Amino acid sequence: MRFFLEEAATAGDIVELSSADSRHLRVVLRKKPGAAITVVSANRVFAAELETVGDTVTARLLHEVAAYGEADLEVILLQGLAKGERMEIVLQKAVELGAARIVPVACERSVVRLEASRAANKQQRWQKIADSAAKQCGRIRLAEVAPVQSLQQALASLPEGCRIIMPWEEADGQDTGMPFSTALAEDKPQAVAVIIGPEGGLTPEEAELARAAGARLVTLGKRILRTETAAIAALSIVMYEWGDLNGE
């Protein structure tokens, strides 16, 4: 498991870990001074040794270690709000697969409806889940969980030149939309956004909104996938073709 620093540090520095990480090391892992841990600072990975263990944990950065870098593709997931555990599964797996940013989207058919205060609390919880996933799977960068947005807001927030792909159950690959493979046969972009609908799917109006923003509407085949399955499948396909899941 890796521990991330907010500030930049280098070998030889004594650093203070966050309160959450300090508690995890002290209470859950029961680490003592002298224990070896791995610390990430400004996308650099260090072997470290615990100096003090208490309400605050400090560690000395010993030396930088070779670390696998992030994929050279910025992946953004626009995920329709889903109920409870499904949303959390999507967040966890999206981070493991390499997503840089996850945007929870309030869609027309979303069963979940969040008022402002509840949405803010959910975002905090979701960010913790994303952070934990990044630490567990060995990433060198934490993924951002954005505030809940409308689809229009989420599309407007995408970086310039971002490729947009939207798997849609009403796409047949012929009259409506295109096969996923056709969209992936285009030149590799620097950033790609994948839009996944909630349990009830995306409406034709939302599909048209995405198409107007430049989205490729694609089909994932004849079977109707659950929202969490669709997200994992689509991200895996994108990261295999354009990212780093193919081992190259």
C-alpha atoms as a PDB file:
ATOM      1  CA  MET A   1       0.000   0.000   0.000  1.00  0.00           C
ATOM      2  CA  ARG A   2       1.248   3.481  -0.880  1.00  0.00           C
ATOM      3  CA  PHE A   3       0.905   6.687   1.088  1.00  0.00           C
ATOM      4  CA  PHE A   4       0.573   9.992  -0.756  1.00  0.00           C
ATOM      5  CA  LEU A   5       1.925  13.391   0.248  1.00  0.00           C
ATOM      6  CA  GLU A   6       0.286  16.651  -0.708  1.00  0.00           C
ATOM      7  CA  GLU A   7       3.605  18.503  -0.802  1.00  0.00           C
ATOM      8  CA  ALA A   8       6.704  17.757  -2.873  1.00  0.00           C
ATOM      9  CA  ALA A   9       9.521  16.050  -0.980  1.00  0.00           C
ATOM     10  CA  THR A  10      12.780  14.311  -1.772  1.00  0.00           C
ATOM     11  CA  ALA A  11      15.125  11.683  -0.367  1.00  0.00           C
ATOM     12  CA  GLY A  12      16.359  12.521   3.126  1.00  0.00           C
ATOM     13  CA  ASP A  13      13.303  14.546   4.087  1.00  0.00           C
ATOM     14  CA  ILE A  14      11.225  13.730   7.157  1.00  0.00           C
ATOM     15  CA  VAL A  15       7.576  14.055   6.169  1.00  0.00           C
ATOM     16  CA  GLU A  16       4.294  14.067   8.039  1.00  0.00           C
ATOM     17  CA  LEU A  17       1.533  11.793   6.786  1.00  0.00           C
ATOM     18  CA  SER A  18      -2.113  12.773   6.677  1.00  0.00           C
ATOM     19  CA  SER A  19      -4.310  12.188   9.712  1.00  0.00           C
ATOM     20  CA  ALA A  20      -6.212   9.437   7.882  1.00  0.00           C
ATOM     21  CA  ASP A  21      -3.002   7.664   6.835  1.00  0.00           C
ATOM     22  CA  SER A  22      -1.544   8.126  10.307  1.00  0.00           C
ATOM     23  CA  ARG A  23      -4.547   6.475  11.883  1.00  0.00           C
ATOM     24  CA  HIS A  24      -4.474   3.638   9.340  1.00  0.00           C
ATOM     25  CA  LEU A  25      -0.817   2.933  10.031  1.00  0.00           C
ATOM     26  CA  ARG A  26      -1.244   3.139  13.807  1.00  0.00           C
ATOM     27  CA  VAL A  27      -4.617   1.453  14.359  1.00  0.00           C
ATOM     28  CA  VAL A  28      -5.182  -0.854  11.387  1.00  0.00           C
ATOM     29  CA  LEU A  29      -1.671  -1.869  10.331  1.00  0.00           C
ATOM     30  CA  ARG A  30      -0.178  -1.397  13.837  1.00  0.00           C
ATOM     31  CA  LYS A  31       3.130  -0.205  12.458  1.00  0.00           C
ATOM     32  CA  LYS A  32       5.986   0.785  14.746  1.00  0.00           C
ATOM     33  CA  PRO A  33       8.915   3.200  14.288  1.00  0.00           C
ATOM     34  CA  GLY A  34      11.424   1.684  11.895  1.00  0.00           C
ATOM     35  CA  ALA A  35       8.790  -0.056   9.762  1.00  0.00           C
ATOM     36  CA  ALA A  36       9.252   0.219   6.003  1.00  0.00           C
ATOM     37  CA  ILE A  37       6.562   1.894   3.908  1.00  0.00           C
ATOM     38  CA  THR A  38       6.251   3.356   0.405  1.00  0.00           C
ATOM     39  CA  VAL A  39       5.526   7.065  -0.040  1.00  0.00           C
ATOM     40  CA  VAL A  40       4.501   8.921  -3.198  1.00  0.00           C
ATOM     41  CA  SER A  41       5.297  12.612  -3.603  1.00  0.00           C
ATOM     42  CA  ALA A  42       4.736  14.617  -6.784  1.00  0.00           C
ATOM     43  CA  ASN A  43       4.524  11.418  -8.863  1.00  0.00           C
ATOM     44  CA  ARG A  44       7.816  10.120  -7.431  1.00  0.00           C
ATOM     45  CA  VAL A  45       7.951   6.954  -5.329  1.00  0.00           C
ATOM     46  CA  PHE A  46      10.196   6.604  -2.285  1.00  0.00           C
ATOM     47  CA  ALA A  47      11.168   3.809   0.058  1.00  0.00           C
ATOM     48  CA  ALA A  48      10.600   5.243   3.539  1.00  0.00           C
ATOM     49  CA  GLU A  49      11.012   4.350   7.198  1.00  0.00           C
ATOM     50  CA  LEU A  50       8.660   5.378   9.967  1.00  0.00           C
ATOM     51  CA  GLU A  51      10.222   7.827  12.419  1.00  0.00           C
ATOM     52  CA  THR A  52       7.395   8.430  14.888  1.00  0.00           C
ATOM     53  CA  VAL A  53       4.033   6.732  15.330  1.00  0.00           C
ATOM     54  CA  GLY A  54       1.341   8.537  17.291  1.00  0.00           C
ATOM     55  CA  ASP A  55      -1.617  10.767  16.540  1.00  0.00           C
ATOM     56  CA  THR A  56       0.666  12.006  13.770  1.00  0.00           C
ATOM     57  CA  VAL A  57       2.990   9.668  11.905  1.00  0.00           C
ATOM     58  CA  THR A  58       6.247  10.878  10.389  1.00  0.00           C
ATOM     59  CA  ALA A  59       8.555   9.046   8.010  1.00  0.00           C
ATOM     60  CA  ARG A  60      12.012   9.557   6.557  1.00  0.00           C
ATOM     61  CA  LEU A  61      12.275   9.218   2.784  1.00  0.00           C
ATOM     62  CA  LEU A  62      15.267   6.927   2.186  1.00  0.00           C
ATOM     63  CA  HIS A  63      15.652   6.779  -1.578  1.00  0.00           C
ATOM     64  CA  GLU A  64      13.645   6.989  -4.761  1.00  0.00           C
ATOM     65  CA  VAL A  65      12.597   3.712  -6.312  1.00  0.00           C
ATOM     66  CA  ALA A  66      11.794   2.870  -9.908  1.00  0.00           C
ATOM     67  CA  ALA A  67       8.061   2.995 -10.390  1.00  0.00           C
ATOM     68  CA  TYR A  68       5.677   2.244 -13.187  1.00  0.00           C
ATOM     69  CA  GLY A  69       4.260   5.483 -14.581  1.00  0.00           C
ATOM     70  CA  GLU A  70       0.721   6.388 -15.450  1.00  0.00           C
ATOM     71  CA  ALA A  71      -0.684   5.641 -18.901  1.00  0.00           C
ATOM     72  CA  ASP A  72      -0.082   8.393 -21.445  1.00  0.00           C
ATOM     73  CA  LEU A  73      -3.834   8.661 -21.920  1.00  0.00           C
ATOM     74  CA  GLU A  74      -6.056  10.803 -19.711  1.00  0.00           C
ATOM     75  CA  VAL A  75      -9.223   8.795 -19.076  1.00  0.00           C
ATOM     76  CA  ILE A  76     -12.301  10.541 -17.716  1.00  0.00           C
ATOM     77  CA  LEU A  77     -15.379   8.586 -16.684  1.00  0.00           C
ATOM     78  CA  LEU A  78     -18.735  10.355 -16.780  1.00  0.00           C
ATOM     79  CA  GLN A  79     -20.774   7.961 -14.657  1.00  0.00           C
ATOM     80  CA  GLY A  80     -24.537   8.253 -14.289  1.00  0.00           C
ATOM     81  CA  LEU A  81     -25.504   8.221 -10.629  1.00  0.00           C
ATOM     82  CA  ALA A  82     -26.154   4.675  -9.499  1.00  0.00           C
ATOM     83  CA  LYS A  83     -27.478   3.258  -6.255  1.00  0.00           C
ATOM     84  CA  GLY A  84     -25.242   2.578  -3.251  1.00  0.00           C
ATOM     85  CA  GLU A  85     -22.735  -0.184  -3.746  1.00  0.00           C
ATOM     86  CA  ARG A  86     -22.878  -0.007  -7.546  1.00  0.00           C
ATOM     87  CA  MET A  87     -21.500   3.527  -7.578  1.00  0.00           C
ATOM     88  CA  GLU A  88     -18.753   2.579  -5.170  1.00  0.00           C
ATOM     89  CA  ILE A  89     -17.778  -0.453  -7.255  1.00  0.00           C
ATOM     90  CA  VAL A  90     -17.519   1.742 -10.348  1.00  0.00           C
ATOM     91  CA  LEU A  91     -15.330   4.258  -8.548  1.00  0.00           C
ATOM     92  CA  GLN A  92     -12.985   1.615  -7.194  1.00  0.00           C
ATOM     93  CA  LYS A  93     -12.602  -0.286 -10.461  1.00  0.00           C
ATOM     94  CA  ALA A  94     -12.316   2.853 -12.595  1.00  0.00           C
ATOM     95  CA  VAL A  95      -9.341   3.976 -10.513  1.00  0.00           C
ATOM     96  CA  GLU A  96      -7.752   0.522 -10.691  1.00  0.00           C
ATOM     97  CA  LEU A  97      -8.124   0.603 -14.477  1.00  0.00           C
ATOM     98  CA  GLY A  98      -6.381   3.973 -14.684  1.00  0.00           C
ATOM     99  CA  ALA A  99      -9.091   6.649 -14.780  1.00  0.00           C
ATOM    100  CA  ALA A 100      -7.727  10.096 -13.971  1.00  0.00           C
ATOM    101  CA  ARG A 101     -11.084  11.687 -13.198  1.00  0.00           C
ATOM    102  CA  ILE A 102     -14.566  10.405 -12.382  1.00  0.00           C
ATOM    103  CA  VAL A 103     -17.543  12.731 -12.799  1.00  0.00           C
ATOM    104  CA  PRO A 104     -20.808  11.586 -11.148  1.00  0.00           C
ATOM    105  CA  VAL A 105     -23.613  12.645 -13.494  1.00  0.00           C
ATOM    106  CA  ALA A 106     -27.234  13.259 -12.501  1.00  0.00           C
ATOM    107  CA  CYS A 107     -29.043  11.734 -15.466  1.00  0.00           C
ATOM    108  CA  GLU A 108     -32.727  11.884 -16.358  1.00  0.00           C
ATOM    109  CA  ARG A 109     -33.240   8.244 -15.414  1.00  0.00           C
ATOM    110  CA  SER A 110     -31.012   8.231 -12.324  1.00  0.00           C
ATOM    111  CA  VAL A 111     -32.884   6.631  -9.440  1.00  0.00           C
ATOM    112  CA  VAL A 112     -30.587   8.435  -6.990  1.00  0.00           C
ATOM    113  CA  ARG A 113     -31.400  12.109  -6.392  1.00  0.00           C
ATOM    114  CA  LEU A 114     -28.974  14.082  -4.258  1.00  0.00           C
ATOM    115  CA  GLU A 115     -29.569  17.467  -2.673  1.00  0.00           C
ATOM    116  CA  ALA A 116     -26.579  19.815  -2.485  1.00  0.00           C
ATOM    117  CA  SER A 117     -25.503  18.969   1.083  1.00  0.00           C
ATOM    118  CA  ARG A 118     -25.916  15.220   0.575  1.00  0.00           C
ATOM    119  CA  ALA A 119     -24.100  15.396  -2.754  1.00  0.00           C
ATOM    120  CA  ALA A 120     -21.132  17.082  -1.057  1.00  0.00           C
ATOM    121  CA  ASN A 121     -21.005  14.371   1.612  1.00  0.00           C
ATOM    122  CA  LYS A 122     -21.186  11.673  -1.054  1.00  0.00           C
ATOM    123  CA  GLN A 123     -18.358  13.290  -2.991  1.00  0.00           C
ATOM    124  CA  GLN A 124     -16.145  13.186   0.094  1.00  0.00           C
ATOM    125  CA  ARG A 125     -16.899   9.502   0.650  1.00  0.00           C
ATOM    126  CA  TRP A 126     -16.365   8.688  -3.015  1.00  0.00           C
ATOM    127  CA  GLN A 127     -13.032  10.525  -3.004  1.00  0.00           C
ATOM    128  CA  LYS A 128     -11.881   8.410  -0.060  1.00  0.00           C
ATOM    129  CA  ILE A 129     -12.831   5.251  -1.955  1.00  0.00           C
ATOM    130  CA  ALA A 130     -10.917   6.467  -5.020  1.00  0.00           C
ATOM    131  CA  ASP A 131      -7.875   7.388  -2.916  1.00  0.00           C
ATOM    132  CA  SER A 132      -7.876   3.981  -1.245  1.00  0.00           C
ATOM    133  CA  ALA A 133      -8.082   2.229  -4.618  1.00  0.00           C
ATOM    134  CA  ALA A 134      -5.140   4.253  -5.963  1.00  0.00           C
ATOM    135  CA  LYS A 135      -3.037   3.366  -2.919  1.00  0.00           C
ATOM    136  CA  GLN A 136      -3.892  -0.320  -3.082  1.00  0.00           C
ATOM    137  CA  CYS A 137      -3.230  -0.801  -6.807  1.00  0.00           C
ATOM    138  CA  GLY A 138       0.109   0.996  -6.897  1.00  0.00           C
ATOM    139  CA  ARG A 139      -0.713   4.143  -8.812  1.00  0.00           C
ATOM    140  CA  ILE A 140       1.534   7.197  -8.543  1.00  0.00           C
ATOM    141  CA  ARG A 141      -1.305   9.692  -8.928  1.00  0.00           C
ATOM    142  CA  LEU A 142      -4.613  10.033  -7.115  1.00  0.00           C
ATOM    143  CA  ALA A 143      -7.737  10.191  -9.245  1.00  0.00           C
ATOM    144  CA  GLU A 144     -10.159  13.100  -8.803  1.00  0.00           C
ATOM    145  CA  VAL A 145     -13.834  12.556  -8.021  1.00  0.00           C
ATOM    146  CA  ALA A 146     -15.651  15.659  -9.228  1.00  0.00           C
ATOM    147  CA  PRO A 147     -18.826  17.132  -7.725  1.00  0.00           C
ATOM    148  CA  VAL A 148     -22.147  15.771  -9.015  1.00  0.00           C
ATOM    149  CA  GLN A 149     -23.013  17.491 -12.295  1.00  0.00           C
ATOM    150  CA  SER A 150     -25.577  17.449 -15.053  1.00  0.00           C
ATOM    151  CA  LEU A 151     -24.550  15.801 -18.310  1.00  0.00           C
ATOM    152  CA  GLN A 152     -24.366  19.213 -19.958  1.00  0.00           C
ATOM    153  CA  GLN A 153     -22.040  20.508 -17.220  1.00  0.00           C
ATOM    154  CA  ALA A 154     -19.890  17.364 -17.375  1.00  0.00           C
ATOM    155  CA  LEU A 155     -19.489  17.633 -21.143  1.00  0.00           C
ATOM    156  CA  ALA A 156     -18.585  21.316 -20.870  1.00  0.00           C
ATOM    157  CA  SER A 157     -15.877  20.506 -18.300  1.00  0.00           C
ATOM    158  CA  LEU A 158     -13.938  18.177 -20.603  1.00  0.00           C
ATOM    159  CA  PRO A 159     -10.514  19.309 -21.829  1.00  0.00           C
ATOM    160  CA  GLU A 160     -10.199  20.669 -25.346  1.00  0.00           C
ATOM    161  CA  GLY A 161      -9.766  17.940 -27.930  1.00  0.00           C
ATOM    162  CA  CYS A 162     -11.055  15.215 -25.610  1.00  0.00           C
ATOM    163  CA  ARG A 163     -12.493  12.242 -27.503  1.00  0.00           C
ATOM    164  CA  ILE A 164     -15.925  11.231 -26.212  1.00  0.00           C
ATOM    165  CA  ILE A 165     -17.279   7.682 -26.361  1.00  0.00           C
ATOM    166  CA  MET A 166     -20.745   6.749 -25.173  1.00  0.00           C
ATOM    167  CA  PRO A 167     -21.846   3.104 -25.066  1.00  0.00           C
ATOM    168  CA  TRP A 168     -25.628   3.184 -25.533  1.00  0.00           C
ATOM    169  CA  GLU A 169     -28.042   0.287 -25.457  1.00  0.00           C
ATOM    170  CA  GLU A 170     -30.012   1.762 -28.372  1.00  0.00           C
ATOM    171  CA  ALA A 171     -26.941   1.929 -30.604  1.00  0.00           C
ATOM    172  CA  ASP A 172     -26.891  -0.936 -33.108  1.00  0.00           C
ATOM    173  CA  GLY A 173     -23.620  -0.150 -34.845  1.00  0.00           C
ATOM    174  CA  GLN A 174     -25.377   0.441 -38.159  1.00  0.00           C
ATOM    175  CA  ASP A 175     -28.360   2.771 -38.328  1.00  0.00           C
ATOM    176  CA  THR A 176     -27.596   4.193 -34.892  1.00  0.00           C
ATOM    177  CA  GLY A 177     -24.048   4.733 -33.714  1.00  0.00           C
ATOM    178  CA  MET A 178     -21.057   2.561 -34.600  1.00  0.00           C
ATOM    179  CA  PRO A 179     -19.265  -0.557 -33.388  1.00  0.00           C
ATOM    180  CA  PHE A 180     -16.879   0.115 -30.497  1.00  0.00           C
ATOM    181  CA  SER A 181     -14.011  -1.140 -32.661  1.00  0.00           C
ATOM    182  CA  THR A 182     -14.712   1.542 -35.276  1.00  0.00           C
ATOM    183  CA  ALA A 183     -14.412   4.313 -32.708  1.00  0.00           C
ATOM    184  CA  LEU A 184     -11.169   2.816 -31.415  1.00  0.00           C
ATOM    185  CA  ALA A 185      -9.718   2.537 -34.926  1.00  0.00           C
ATOM    186  CA  GLU A 186      -9.379   6.324 -35.005  1.00  0.00           C
ATOM    187  CA  ASP A 187      -6.102   7.975 -34.047  1.00  0.00           C
ATOM    188  CA  LYS A 188      -5.284   7.723 -30.352  1.00  0.00           C
ATOM    189  CA  PRO A 189      -6.230  10.928 -28.504  1.00  0.00           C
ATOM    190  CA  GLN A 190      -4.491  12.519 -25.533  1.00  0.00           C
ATOM    191  CA  ALA A 191      -7.708  12.365 -23.496  1.00  0.00           C
ATOM    192  CA  VAL A 192     -10.871  10.327 -23.734  1.00  0.00           C
ATOM    193  CA  ALA A 193     -14.159  10.584 -21.856  1.00  0.00           C
ATOM    194  CA  VAL A 194     -16.418   7.550 -21.482  1.00  0.00           C
ATOM    195  CA  ILE A 195     -20.081   8.204 -20.713  1.00  0.00           C
ATOM    196  CA  ILE A 196     -21.985   5.476 -18.849  1.00  0.00           C
ATOM    197  CA  GLY A 197     -25.669   5.764 -18.019  1.00  0.00           C
ATOM    198  CA  PRO A 198     -27.370   4.910 -14.709  1.00  0.00           C
ATOM    199  CA  GLU A 199     -29.503   1.813 -14.049  1.00  0.00           C
ATOM    200  CA  GLY A 200     -32.280   3.102 -16.298  1.00  0.00           C
ATOM    201  CA  GLY A 201     -29.945   3.958 -19.142  1.00  0.00           C
ATOM    202  CA  LEU A 202     -29.491   7.182 -21.071  1.00  0.00           C
ATOM    203  CA  THR A 203     -32.416   8.834 -22.829  1.00  0.00           C
ATOM    204  CA  PRO A 204     -32.453   9.672 -26.552  1.00  0.00           C
ATOM    205  CA  GLU A 205     -32.275  13.339 -25.550  1.00  0.00           C
ATOM    206  CA  GLU A 206     -29.092  12.717 -23.532  1.00  0.00           C
ATOM    207  CA  ALA A 207     -27.657  10.701 -26.405  1.00  0.00           C
ATOM    208  CA  GLU A 208     -28.324  13.602 -28.751  1.00  0.00           C
ATOM    209  CA  LEU A 209     -26.726  16.036 -26.298  1.00  0.00           C
ATOM    210  CA  ALA A 210     -23.620  13.862 -26.211  1.00  0.00           C
ATOM    211  CA  ARG A 211     -23.612  13.469 -29.997  1.00  0.00           C
ATOM    212  CA  ALA A 212     -23.836  17.240 -30.413  1.00  0.00           C
ATOM    213  CA  ALA A 213     -20.723  17.525 -28.211  1.00  0.00           C
ATOM    214  CA  GLY A 214     -18.884  15.164 -30.564  1.00  0.00           C
ATOM    215  CA  ALA A 215     -19.498  11.828 -28.834  1.00  0.00           C
ATOM    216  CA  ARG A 216     -19.199   8.571 -30.735  1.00  0.00           C
ATOM    217  CA  LEU A 217     -22.239   6.481 -29.832  1.00  0.00           C
ATOM    218  CA  VAL A 218     -21.115   2.864 -29.719  1.00  0.00           C
ATOM    219  CA  THR A 219     -22.566  -0.547 -29.026  1.00  0.00           C
ATOM    220  CA  LEU A 220     -21.253  -3.047 -26.485  1.00  0.00           C
ATOM    221  CA  GLY A 221     -23.109  -5.893 -28.171  1.00  0.00           C
ATOM    222  CA  LYS A 222     -26.539  -7.470 -27.822  1.00  0.00           C
ATOM    223  CA  ARG A 223     -26.556  -8.039 -24.069  1.00  0.00           C
ATOM    224  CA  ILE A 224     -27.803  -5.316 -21.741  1.00  0.00           C
ATOM    225  CA  LEU A 225     -25.121  -4.713 -19.111  1.00  0.00           C
ATOM    226  CA  ARG A 226     -25.611  -3.359 -15.620  1.00  0.00           C
ATOM    227  CA  THR A 227     -24.212   0.133 -15.180  1.00  0.00           C
ATOM    228  CA  GLU A 228     -21.234  -1.064 -13.140  1.00  0.00           C
ATOM    229  CA  THR A 229     -20.482  -3.817 -15.659  1.00  0.00           C
ATOM    230  CA  ALA A 230     -20.730  -1.411 -18.594  1.00  0.00           C
ATOM    231  CA  ALA A 231     -18.315   1.014 -16.943  1.00  0.00           C
ATOM    232  CA  ILE A 232     -15.733  -1.675 -16.217  1.00  0.00           C
ATOM    233  CA  ALA A 233     -16.080  -3.219 -19.684  1.00  0.00           C
ATOM    234  CA  ALA A 234     -15.843   0.076 -21.557  1.00  0.00           C
ATOM    235  CA  LEU A 235     -12.859   1.358 -19.573  1.00  0.00           C
ATOM    236  CA  SER A 236     -11.071  -1.971 -19.989  1.00  0.00           C
ATOM    237  CA  ILE A 237     -11.557  -1.890 -23.755  1.00  0.00           C
ATOM    238  CA  VAL A 238     -10.340   1.712 -24.024  1.00  0.00           C
ATOM    239  CA  MET A 239      -7.325   1.087 -21.789  1.00  0.00           C
ATOM    240  CA  TYR A 240      -6.415  -2.047 -23.737  1.00  0.00           C
ATOM    241  CA  GLU A 241      -6.526  -0.313 -27.115  1.00  0.00           C
ATOM    242  CA  TRP A 242      -5.194   3.134 -26.197  1.00  0.00           C
ATOM    243  CA  GLY A 243      -3.808   2.759 -22.669  1.00  0.00           C
ATOM    244  CA  ASP A 244      -1.556   0.350 -20.847  1.00  0.00           C
ATOM    245  CA  LEU A 245      -3.611  -2.791 -20.240  1.00  0.00           C
ATOM    246  CA  ASN A 246      -2.103  -4.555 -23.257  1.00  0.00           C
ATOM    247  CA  GLY A 247       1.303  -4.735 -21.592  1.00  0.00           C
ATOM    248  CA  GLU A 248       3.079  -2.703 -24.272  1.00  0.00           C
END
